[in-house]
């Protein structure tokens, strides 16, 4: 069984990976608010979430949102909450991607009672 990343390490990895995604988006010409950039950050959240504990999903989603809002949507590192409902939806989408990946890849623990769920 492989060890899963702690929430603090997951946040650090998500921040680093989010920063590394920016030059790739720049090469593609997607440093603008588009579905491609949001999908790229959602995929990044799913990738980091798959190696993390489910409790780290909120940190992963928030870290990705910081870079998406600051460098993709509003450029030059300026965070803006002009449309709070839309930004809330972005945070929820990114967090949900990380949480779904973390839950799908979570190790299964044997239930008490074995195969037939009988208590000993």
Protein backbone atom coordinates (compact mmCIF):
# COMPACT_ATOMS: atom_id res chain seq x y z
CA UNK A 1 0.00 0.00 0.00
CA UNK A 2 1.34 3.44 -0.85
CA UNK A 3 1.25 6.35 1.56
CA UNK A 4 -1.06 9.23 0.71
CA UNK A 5 0.03 12.84 0.99
CA UNK A 6 -0.89 14.77 4.11
CA UNK A 7 -3.05 17.88 3.63
CA UNK A 8 -0.14 20.28 4.13
CA UNK A 9 2.02 18.48 1.57
CA UNK A 10 -0.93 18.24 -0.82
CA UNK A 11 -1.37 22.01 -0.64
CA UNK A 12 2.32 22.54 -1.36
CA UNK A 13 2.22 20.17 -4.33
CA UNK A 14 -0.96 21.82 -5.64
CA UNK A 15 0.58 25.29 -5.41
CA UNK A 16 3.74 24.16 -7.18
CA UNK A 17 1.86 22.28 -9.90
CA UNK A 18 -0.53 25.20 -10.42
CA UNK A 19 2.41 27.52 -10.95
CA UNK A 20 4.01 25.03 -13.34
CA UNK A 21 0.79 24.83 -15.37
CA UNK A 22 0.88 28.55 -16.22
CA UNK A 23 3.71 28.39 -18.82
CA UNK A 24 1.98 25.46 -20.54
CA UNK A 25 -1.24 27.46 -20.76
CA UNK A 26 0.73 30.45 -22.05
CA UNK A 27 2.25 28.36 -24.85
CA UNK A 28 -1.25 27.20 -25.81
CA UNK A 29 -2.54 30.77 -25.71
CA UNK A 30 -5.03 29.96 -22.96
CA UNK A 31 -4.09 32.57 -20.36
CA UNK A 32 -7.62 33.90 -20.52
CA UNK A 33 -10.89 32.86 -18.89
CA UNK A 34 -11.84 29.83 -20.96
CA UNK A 35 -13.10 26.32 -20.38
CA UNK A 36 -9.72 24.92 -21.46
CA UNK A 37 -7.86 26.64 -18.62
CA UNK A 38 -10.51 25.66 -16.09
CA UNK A 39 -10.48 22.05 -17.33
CA UNK A 40 -6.67 22.00 -17.09
CA UNK A 41 -6.82 23.13 -13.47
CA UNK A 42 -9.58 20.61 -12.72
CA UNK A 43 -7.40 17.85 -14.19
CA UNK A 44 -4.50 19.07 -12.09
CA UNK A 45 -6.70 18.95 -8.97
CA UNK A 46 -7.77 15.41 -9.84
CA UNK A 47 -4.16 14.35 -10.34
CA UNK A 48 -3.01 15.79 -7.01
CA UNK A 49 -6.18 14.57 -5.28
CA UNK A 50 -5.58 11.02 -6.43
CA UNK A 51 -2.36 10.94 -4.39
CA UNK A 52 -3.78 12.81 -1.38
CA UNK A 53 -6.06 12.16 1.54
CA UNK A 54 -9.69 13.22 1.04
CA UNK A 55 -9.34 15.83 3.80
CA UNK A 56 -6.89 17.75 1.57
CA UNK A 57 -9.41 18.40 -1.20
CA UNK A 58 -10.37 21.88 0.02
CA UNK A 59 -6.72 22.95 0.16
CA UNK A 60 -6.02 21.55 -3.30
CA UNK A 61 -9.05 23.26 -4.84
CA UNK A 62 -8.26 26.58 -3.17
CA UNK A 63 -4.62 26.47 -4.27
CA UNK A 64 -5.59 25.84 -7.88
CA UNK A 65 -8.25 28.56 -7.73
CA UNK A 66 -5.69 31.12 -6.53
CA UNK A 67 -3.59 30.63 -9.66
CA UNK A 68 -6.59 30.35 -11.98
CA UNK A 69 -8.17 33.54 -10.67
CA UNK A 70 -4.97 35.51 -10.28
CA UNK A 71 -3.08 34.60 -13.43
CA UNK A 72 -5.59 33.18 -15.91
CA UNK A 73 -8.71 35.25 -15.33
CA UNK A 74 -7.33 38.57 -14.15
CA UNK A 75 -3.65 38.39 -15.15
CA UNK A 76 -0.64 39.76 -13.29
CA UNK A 77 -1.47 38.00 -10.00
CA UNK A 78 -4.42 40.21 -9.09
CA UNK A 79 -7.21 38.33 -7.33
CA UNK A 80 -10.69 39.68 -8.04
CA UNK A 81 -14.11 38.64 -6.76
CA UNK A 82 -16.22 40.67 -9.19
CA UNK A 83 -18.61 37.73 -9.64
CA UNK A 84 -18.65 35.88 -6.30
CA UNK A 85 -21.14 33.25 -7.49
CA UNK A 86 -18.97 32.32 -10.47
CA UNK A 87 -15.82 32.23 -8.37
CA UNK A 88 -17.57 30.10 -5.78
CA UNK A 89 -18.58 27.70 -8.53
CA UNK A 90 -14.96 27.52 -9.72
CA UNK A 91 -13.72 26.72 -6.21
CA UNK A 92 -16.42 24.06 -5.84
CA UNK A 93 -15.54 22.51 -9.20
CA UNK A 94 -11.83 22.34 -8.42
CA UNK A 95 -12.45 21.01 -4.91
CA UNK A 96 -14.93 18.43 -6.20
CA UNK A 97 -12.39 17.21 -8.76
CA UNK A 98 -9.78 16.72 -6.03
CA UNK A 99 -12.26 15.07 -3.65
CA UNK A 100 -13.67 12.71 -6.27
CA UNK A 101 -10.20 11.55 -7.26
CA UNK A 102 -9.18 11.12 -3.62
CA UNK A 103 -12.26 9.05 -2.83
CA UNK A 104 -12.03 6.88 -5.93
CA UNK A 105 -8.39 6.02 -5.29
CA UNK A 106 -8.72 5.66 -1.50
CA UNK A 107 -7.52 2.29 -0.23
CA UNK A 108 -10.33 -0.07 0.72
CA UNK A 109 -10.24 -1.40 4.25
CA UNK A 110 -11.65 -4.81 5.06
CA UNK A 111 -14.92 -4.66 6.91
CA UNK A 112 -15.25 -6.41 10.26
CA UNK A 113 -16.69 -9.88 9.84
CA UNK A 114 -14.98 -10.53 6.54
CA UNK A 115 -16.85 -11.53 3.44
CA UNK A 116 -20.28 -12.05 4.97
CA UNK A 117 -20.14 -9.06 7.32
CA UNK A 118 -20.53 -11.23 10.39
CA UNK A 119 -19.33 -9.89 13.70
CA UNK A 120 -16.85 -12.13 15.47
